[in-house]
N, C-alpha and C. Protein backbone atom coordinates (compact mmCIF):
# COMPACT_ATOMS: atom_id res chain seq x y z
N UNK A 1 91.81 112.03 141.56
CA UNK A 1 92.66 112.51 140.60
C UNK A 1 92.54 111.77 139.28
N UNK A 2 92.58 110.35 139.46
CA UNK A 2 92.45 109.43 138.28
C UNK A 2 91.17 109.78 137.47
N UNK A 3 89.93 109.80 138.09
CA UNK A 3 88.69 110.12 137.42
C UNK A 3 88.73 111.49 136.80
N UNK A 4 89.42 112.36 137.30
CA UNK A 4 89.59 113.75 136.57
C UNK A 4 90.58 113.73 135.43
N UNK A 5 91.53 112.95 135.45
CA UNK A 5 92.52 112.73 134.36
C UNK A 5 91.63 112.10 133.22
N UNK A 6 91.01 110.99 133.58
CA UNK A 6 90.20 110.14 132.52
C UNK A 6 89.12 111.07 131.91
N UNK A 7 88.50 111.94 132.60
CA UNK A 7 87.57 112.80 132.04
C UNK A 7 88.06 113.77 131.19
N UNK A 8 89.34 114.35 131.55
CA UNK A 8 89.92 115.34 130.75
C UNK A 8 90.34 114.69 129.41
N UNK A 9 90.92 113.45 129.54
CA UNK A 9 91.34 112.73 128.30
C UNK A 9 90.22 112.42 127.42
N UNK A 10 89.02 112.00 127.89
CA UNK A 10 87.77 111.75 127.10
C UNK A 10 87.43 113.08 126.50
N UNK A 11 87.33 114.14 127.19
CA UNK A 11 86.90 115.36 126.67
C UNK A 11 87.83 115.84 125.49
N UNK A 12 89.07 115.71 125.68
CA UNK A 12 90.07 116.14 124.69
C UNK A 12 89.86 115.16 123.49
N UNK A 13 89.76 113.98 123.65
CA UNK A 13 89.49 113.00 122.46
C UNK A 13 88.05 113.39 121.72
N UNK A 14 87.14 113.66 122.41
CA UNK A 14 85.87 114.12 121.84
C UNK A 14 86.06 115.37 121.01
N UNK A 15 86.74 116.29 121.70
CA UNK A 15 86.94 117.61 120.89
C UNK A 15 87.71 117.42 119.62
N UNK A 16 88.78 116.56 119.76
CA UNK A 16 89.49 116.32 118.54
C UNK A 16 88.69 115.59 117.48
N UNK A 17 87.80 114.58 117.81
CA UNK A 17 87.05 113.81 116.94
C UNK A 17 85.98 114.79 116.28
N UNK A 18 85.37 115.75 116.99
CA UNK A 18 84.35 116.55 116.63
C UNK A 18 85.01 117.63 115.52
N UNK A 19 86.24 118.09 115.96
CA UNK A 19 86.84 118.99 114.96
C UNK A 19 87.39 118.45 113.70
N UNK A 20 87.73 117.26 113.75
CA UNK A 20 88.10 116.41 112.52
C UNK A 20 87.04 116.19 111.63
N UNK A 21 85.88 115.74 112.30
CA UNK A 21 84.72 115.59 111.42
C UNK A 21 83.99 116.71 110.82
N UNK A 22 84.18 117.93 111.55
CA UNK A 22 83.68 119.20 110.98
C UNK A 22 84.47 119.55 109.76
N UNK A 23 85.61 119.15 109.55
CA UNK A 23 86.35 119.58 108.33
C UNK A 23 86.23 118.43 107.36
N UNK A 24 85.04 118.29 106.80
CA UNK A 24 84.69 117.20 105.78
C UNK A 24 84.91 117.77 104.37
N UNK A 25 86.10 118.18 104.01
CA UNK A 25 86.29 118.65 102.79
C UNK A 25 87.80 118.18 102.33
N UNK A 26 88.17 118.54 101.06
CA UNK A 26 89.37 118.21 100.63
C UNK A 26 90.35 119.48 100.69
N UNK A 27 91.60 119.28 100.74
CA UNK A 27 92.55 120.42 100.90
C UNK A 27 93.86 120.38 100.07
N UNK A 28 94.22 121.37 99.45
CA UNK A 28 95.55 121.31 98.82
C UNK A 28 96.57 122.05 99.47
N UNK A 29 97.52 121.37 99.84
CA UNK A 29 98.71 122.06 100.67
C UNK A 29 99.62 122.95 99.67
N UNK A 30 100.51 123.74 100.19
CA UNK A 30 101.30 124.61 99.54
C UNK A 30 102.37 123.85 98.63
N UNK A 31 102.50 122.56 98.87
CA UNK A 31 103.40 121.65 98.32
C UNK A 31 102.77 120.99 97.12
N UNK A 32 101.33 121.20 96.95
CA UNK A 32 100.49 120.61 95.80
C UNK A 32 99.97 119.17 96.29
N UNK A 33 100.11 118.87 97.52
CA UNK A 33 99.41 117.53 97.90
C UNK A 33 97.81 117.79 97.97
N UNK A 34 97.07 116.87 97.50
CA UNK A 34 95.64 116.96 97.72
C UNK A 34 95.35 116.00 98.75
N UNK A 35 94.74 116.44 99.73
CA UNK A 35 94.26 115.58 100.94
C UNK A 35 92.76 115.45 101.03
N UNK A 36 92.44 114.37 101.48
CA UNK A 36 90.98 114.16 101.81
C UNK A 36 90.62 114.58 103.23
N UNK A 37 89.35 114.44 103.52
CA UNK A 37 88.83 114.98 104.75
C UNK A 37 89.51 114.21 105.89
N UNK A 38 90.16 113.04 105.69
CA UNK A 38 90.89 112.42 106.75
C UNK A 38 92.28 112.66 106.89
N UNK A 39 92.81 113.47 105.95
CA UNK A 39 94.24 113.94 105.87
C UNK A 39 95.02 112.96 105.11
N UNK A 40 94.35 111.96 104.46
CA UNK A 40 95.02 111.04 103.55
C UNK A 40 95.42 111.78 102.24
N UNK A 41 96.51 111.66 101.67
CA UNK A 41 97.02 112.12 100.35
C UNK A 41 96.15 111.24 99.24
N UNK A 42 95.30 111.97 98.58
CA UNK A 42 94.42 111.33 97.44
C UNK A 42 95.10 111.68 96.01
N UNK A 43 96.15 112.66 96.05
CA UNK A 43 96.55 112.99 94.76
C UNK A 43 97.45 114.21 94.92
N UNK A 44 98.03 114.77 93.71
CA UNK A 44 98.84 115.84 94.00
C UNK A 44 98.85 116.66 92.52
N UNK A 45 99.40 117.85 92.59
CA UNK A 45 99.52 118.63 91.48
C UNK A 45 101.02 119.08 91.23
N UNK A 46 101.41 118.82 89.93
CA UNK A 46 102.88 119.06 89.60
C UNK A 46 102.98 120.65 89.35
N UNK A 47 104.22 121.10 89.39
CA UNK A 47 104.55 122.49 88.93
C UNK A 47 103.97 122.79 87.56
N UNK A 48 103.91 121.80 86.69
CA UNK A 48 103.45 121.95 85.39
C UNK A 48 101.98 121.69 85.31
N UNK A 49 101.29 121.84 86.40
CA UNK A 49 99.70 121.90 86.41
C UNK A 49 99.14 120.55 85.89
N UNK A 50 99.99 119.30 86.23
CA UNK A 50 99.44 118.01 86.05
C UNK A 50 98.85 117.53 87.15
N UNK A 51 97.63 117.04 87.23
CA UNK A 51 96.89 116.52 88.31
C UNK A 51 97.04 114.83 88.23
N UNK A 52 97.58 114.42 89.49
CA UNK A 52 97.95 113.00 89.61
C UNK A 52 97.25 112.32 90.59
N UNK A 53 96.71 111.12 90.51
CA UNK A 53 96.01 110.36 91.68
C UNK A 53 97.13 109.97 92.64
N UNK A 54 96.67 109.30 93.70
CA UNK A 54 97.43 108.88 94.73
C UNK A 54 98.53 107.82 94.44
N UNK A 55 98.42 107.26 93.19
CA UNK A 55 99.33 106.31 92.66
C UNK A 55 100.23 107.01 91.53
N UNK A 56 100.17 108.12 91.52
CA UNK A 56 100.95 108.87 90.52
C UNK A 56 100.51 108.92 89.12
N UNK A 57 99.38 108.30 88.81
CA UNK A 57 98.84 108.35 87.55
C UNK A 57 98.20 109.64 87.15
N UNK A 58 98.52 110.09 85.92
CA UNK A 58 97.99 111.31 85.44
C UNK A 58 96.43 111.17 85.15
N UNK A 59 95.64 112.10 85.90
CA UNK A 59 94.17 112.04 85.58
C UNK A 59 93.74 113.27 84.97
N UNK A 60 94.52 114.44 84.91
CA UNK A 60 93.96 115.63 84.35
C UNK A 60 95.26 116.57 84.34
N UNK A 61 94.96 117.62 83.45
CA UNK A 61 96.03 118.61 83.43
C UNK A 61 95.35 120.09 83.17
N UNK A 62 96.05 121.06 83.27
CA UNK A 62 95.61 122.32 82.88
C UNK A 62 96.41 122.78 81.65
N UNK A 63 95.72 122.94 80.54
CA UNK A 63 96.27 123.24 79.30
C UNK A 63 96.82 124.70 79.32
N UNK A 64 97.39 125.14 78.05
CA UNK A 64 98.02 126.47 77.91
C UNK A 64 96.96 127.46 77.85
N UNK A 65 95.52 127.14 77.57
CA UNK A 65 94.39 128.22 77.68
C UNK A 65 93.89 128.28 79.11
N UNK A 66 94.33 127.40 80.05
CA UNK A 66 93.73 127.48 81.31
C UNK A 66 92.57 126.48 81.46
N UNK A 67 92.38 125.52 80.57
CA UNK A 67 91.20 124.61 80.79
C UNK A 67 91.73 123.42 81.52
N UNK A 68 90.88 122.82 82.26
CA UNK A 68 91.23 121.65 82.98
C UNK A 68 90.51 120.54 82.01
N UNK A 69 91.58 119.69 81.70
CA UNK A 69 91.36 118.59 80.72
C UNK A 69 91.52 117.17 81.23
N UNK A 70 90.70 116.31 81.03
CA UNK A 70 90.66 114.99 81.44
C UNK A 70 91.83 114.25 80.65
N UNK A 71 92.77 113.55 81.28
CA UNK A 71 93.89 113.02 80.66
C UNK A 71 93.56 111.73 79.75
N UNK A 72 92.46 110.99 80.31
CA UNK A 72 92.16 109.77 79.61
C UNK A 72 91.25 109.96 78.27
N UNK A 73 90.30 110.98 78.39
CA UNK A 73 89.45 111.12 77.20
C UNK A 73 89.74 112.51 76.44
N UNK A 74 90.73 113.39 77.14
CA UNK A 74 91.07 114.62 76.50
C UNK A 74 89.91 115.52 76.34
N UNK A 75 88.86 115.24 77.23
CA UNK A 75 87.60 116.15 77.16
C UNK A 75 87.81 117.40 78.13
N UNK A 76 87.43 118.52 77.83
CA UNK A 76 87.52 119.68 78.71
C UNK A 76 86.51 119.51 79.91
N UNK A 77 86.93 119.53 81.04
CA UNK A 77 86.24 119.53 82.27
C UNK A 77 85.71 120.92 82.69
N UNK A 78 86.37 121.90 82.35
CA UNK A 78 86.06 123.23 82.83
C UNK A 78 87.29 124.07 82.75
N UNK A 79 87.18 125.31 83.39
CA UNK A 79 88.12 126.26 83.42
C UNK A 79 88.15 127.19 84.66
N UNK A 80 89.15 127.72 85.01
CA UNK A 80 89.19 128.82 86.17
C UNK A 80 88.82 130.08 85.37
N UNK A 81 87.93 130.96 86.02
CA UNK A 81 87.61 132.22 85.46
C UNK A 81 88.69 133.24 85.44
N UNK A 82 88.60 134.26 84.60
CA UNK A 82 89.65 135.14 84.43
C UNK A 82 89.89 136.01 85.78
N UNK A 83 88.74 135.85 86.75
CA UNK A 83 88.99 136.66 88.01
C UNK A 83 89.70 135.93 88.91
N UNK A 84 89.96 134.51 88.66
CA UNK A 84 90.68 133.64 89.55
C UNK A 84 89.89 133.19 90.90
N UNK A 85 88.59 133.63 90.80
CA UNK A 85 87.80 133.22 91.97
C UNK A 85 86.59 132.35 91.63
N UNK A 86 86.38 132.08 90.36
CA UNK A 86 85.19 131.17 90.06
C UNK A 86 85.75 129.98 89.08
N UNK A 87 85.35 128.92 89.16
CA UNK A 87 85.73 127.82 88.28
C UNK A 87 84.24 127.43 87.55
N UNK A 88 84.52 127.23 86.35
CA UNK A 88 83.35 126.89 85.46
C UNK A 88 83.38 125.56 84.79
N UNK A 89 82.24 124.80 84.74
CA UNK A 89 82.37 123.47 84.34
C UNK A 89 82.38 123.72 82.59
N UNK A 90 82.38 122.48 82.05
CA UNK A 90 82.60 122.63 80.53
C UNK A 90 81.44 123.25 79.83
N UNK A 91 80.17 123.30 80.50
CA UNK A 91 79.01 123.91 79.91
C UNK A 91 78.96 125.49 80.26
N UNK A 92 80.00 125.93 80.92
CA UNK A 92 79.99 127.39 81.36
C UNK A 92 79.27 127.78 82.55
N UNK A 93 78.79 126.74 83.36
CA UNK A 93 78.07 127.06 84.60
C UNK A 93 79.18 127.08 85.77
N UNK A 94 78.99 127.99 86.55
CA UNK A 94 79.76 128.01 87.86
C UNK A 94 79.75 126.74 88.65
N UNK A 95 80.89 126.15 88.70
CA UNK A 95 81.07 124.77 89.44
C UNK A 95 81.40 125.11 91.00
N UNK A 96 82.35 126.02 91.23
CA UNK A 96 82.57 126.39 92.57
C UNK A 96 83.27 127.89 92.50
N UNK A 97 83.37 128.38 93.81
CA UNK A 97 84.02 129.61 93.91
C UNK A 97 84.93 129.71 95.00
N UNK A 98 85.89 130.50 94.83
CA UNK A 98 87.15 130.51 95.97
C UNK A 98 86.71 131.87 96.73
N UNK A 99 87.02 131.85 97.96
CA UNK A 99 86.89 132.92 99.01
C UNK A 99 88.17 133.05 99.73
N UNK A 100 88.84 134.08 99.63
CA UNK A 100 90.07 134.23 100.55
C UNK A 100 89.65 134.06 101.97
N UNK A 101 90.77 133.51 102.70
CA UNK A 101 90.61 133.22 104.10
C UNK A 101 91.94 133.21 104.59
N UNK A 102 92.61 134.47 104.75
CA UNK A 102 93.93 134.39 105.25
C UNK A 102 94.96 133.89 104.28
N UNK A 103 95.84 133.06 104.59
CA UNK A 103 96.78 132.47 103.73
C UNK A 103 96.25 131.34 102.99
N UNK A 104 94.93 131.05 103.08
CA UNK A 104 94.23 130.07 102.33
C UNK A 104 93.08 130.60 101.69
N UNK A 105 92.42 129.78 100.73
CA UNK A 105 91.23 130.03 100.19
C UNK A 105 90.28 128.82 100.35
N UNK A 106 89.10 129.18 100.80
CA UNK A 106 88.01 128.31 100.95
C UNK A 106 87.30 128.07 99.57
N UNK A 107 86.88 126.81 99.33
CA UNK A 107 86.36 126.45 98.03
C UNK A 107 84.88 126.08 98.32
N UNK A 108 83.86 126.69 97.55
CA UNK A 108 82.45 126.46 97.89
C UNK A 108 81.91 125.94 96.53
N UNK A 109 81.11 124.99 96.55
CA UNK A 109 80.30 124.57 95.38
C UNK A 109 79.32 125.55 94.91
N UNK A 110 78.48 125.34 93.83
CA UNK A 110 77.62 126.34 93.20
C UNK A 110 76.40 126.50 94.32
N UNK A 111 76.22 125.64 95.17
CA UNK A 111 75.04 125.84 96.26
C UNK A 111 75.55 126.43 97.57
N UNK A 112 76.94 126.67 97.56
CA UNK A 112 77.42 127.34 98.74
C UNK A 112 77.92 126.49 99.81
N UNK A 113 77.98 125.20 99.61
CA UNK A 113 78.68 124.28 100.56
C UNK A 113 80.05 124.16 100.39
N UNK A 114 80.72 124.26 101.40
CA UNK A 114 82.20 124.21 101.37
C UNK A 114 82.77 122.81 101.07
N UNK A 115 83.57 122.79 99.98
CA UNK A 115 84.00 121.53 99.55
C UNK A 115 85.42 121.31 99.63
N UNK A 116 86.10 122.51 99.93
CA UNK A 116 87.61 122.37 100.08
C UNK A 116 88.33 123.63 100.41
N UNK A 117 89.55 123.59 100.55
CA UNK A 117 90.51 124.62 100.99
C UNK A 117 91.68 124.48 100.24
N UNK A 118 92.35 125.50 99.77
CA UNK A 118 93.58 125.45 99.07
C UNK A 118 94.45 126.63 99.70
N UNK A 119 95.80 126.31 99.62
CA UNK A 119 96.79 127.43 100.08
C UNK A 119 96.61 128.49 99.01
N UNK A 120 96.94 129.71 99.43
CA UNK A 120 96.81 130.81 98.46
C UNK A 120 97.67 130.64 97.26
N UNK A 121 98.89 130.10 97.44
CA UNK A 121 99.79 129.91 96.36
C UNK A 121 99.36 128.93 95.44
N UNK A 122 98.35 127.96 95.74
CA UNK A 122 97.85 127.07 94.95
C UNK A 122 96.48 127.25 94.45
N UNK A 123 95.98 128.47 94.52
CA UNK A 123 94.51 128.72 94.21
C UNK A 123 94.44 128.79 92.59
N UNK A 124 95.37 129.04 91.83
CA UNK A 124 95.24 128.82 90.49
C UNK A 124 94.99 127.39 90.07
N UNK A 125 95.34 126.46 90.86
CA UNK A 125 95.19 125.12 90.70
C UNK A 125 94.12 124.34 91.45
N UNK A 126 93.28 125.28 92.01
CA UNK A 126 92.04 124.80 92.65
C UNK A 126 91.17 123.97 91.93
N UNK A 127 91.13 124.19 90.54
CA UNK A 127 90.18 123.28 89.79
C UNK A 127 90.72 121.82 89.89
N UNK A 128 91.88 121.51 90.37
CA UNK A 128 92.15 120.26 90.54
C UNK A 128 91.24 119.38 91.47
N UNK A 129 90.51 120.12 92.36
CA UNK A 129 89.74 119.59 93.26
C UNK A 129 88.50 119.08 92.50
N UNK A 130 88.25 119.51 91.28
CA UNK A 130 87.01 119.10 90.64
C UNK A 130 87.37 117.72 90.06
N UNK A 131 88.64 117.46 89.95
CA UNK A 131 89.06 116.07 89.39
C UNK A 131 88.72 114.96 90.41
N UNK A 132 88.63 115.33 91.68
CA UNK A 132 88.28 114.32 92.71
C UNK A 132 86.99 114.32 93.22
N UNK A 133 86.07 115.04 92.41
CA UNK A 133 84.51 115.04 92.80
C UNK A 133 83.89 114.02 91.94
N UNK A 134 83.04 113.33 92.32
CA UNK A 134 82.34 112.12 91.74
C UNK A 134 81.88 112.51 90.46
N UNK A 135 81.07 113.73 90.34
CA UNK A 135 80.37 114.23 89.22
C UNK A 135 81.43 114.40 88.07
N UNK A 136 82.49 114.75 88.21
CA UNK A 136 83.38 115.01 87.18
C UNK A 136 84.03 113.58 86.63
N UNK A 137 84.20 112.64 87.54
CA UNK A 137 84.73 111.50 87.15
C UNK A 137 83.64 110.79 86.18
N UNK A 138 82.34 110.83 86.53
CA UNK A 138 81.25 110.34 85.58
C UNK A 138 81.21 111.06 84.21
N UNK A 139 81.41 112.37 84.27
CA UNK A 139 81.47 113.18 83.03
C UNK A 139 82.62 112.82 82.08
N UNK A 140 83.74 112.42 82.60
CA UNK A 140 84.92 112.31 81.86
C UNK A 140 84.75 110.84 81.30
N UNK A 141 83.96 109.95 81.64
CA UNK A 141 83.90 108.70 81.09
C UNK A 141 83.38 108.59 79.67
């Protein structure tokens, strides 16, 4: 009985570990929390479309024209497309696309790799994920 119990526990642990590593992307919750692939909160989005890091420091915001703007440099990082399904970088190139998936939207980069998931109520703020991508941090400097 004990070996069977131990085997089942090991199998359950392995399954949990594999499913957690398979979800290697960021996520925005319905409440605006931005989580990393390990479930740790790395930032948030306020109701006023202000993007904060995990210490509450303003790193970007969405202006009245729908542009994502770096808070430090005031440079435009990009904008959500009029269709609400594409996000364009500052040069007008597609940075990522949103695809409906039930009550959430999956976020794919321009190459088709899944980089995130946002609750449908937060898809207008999906551009916040761009703030947490290394390439945008370098562009904003």
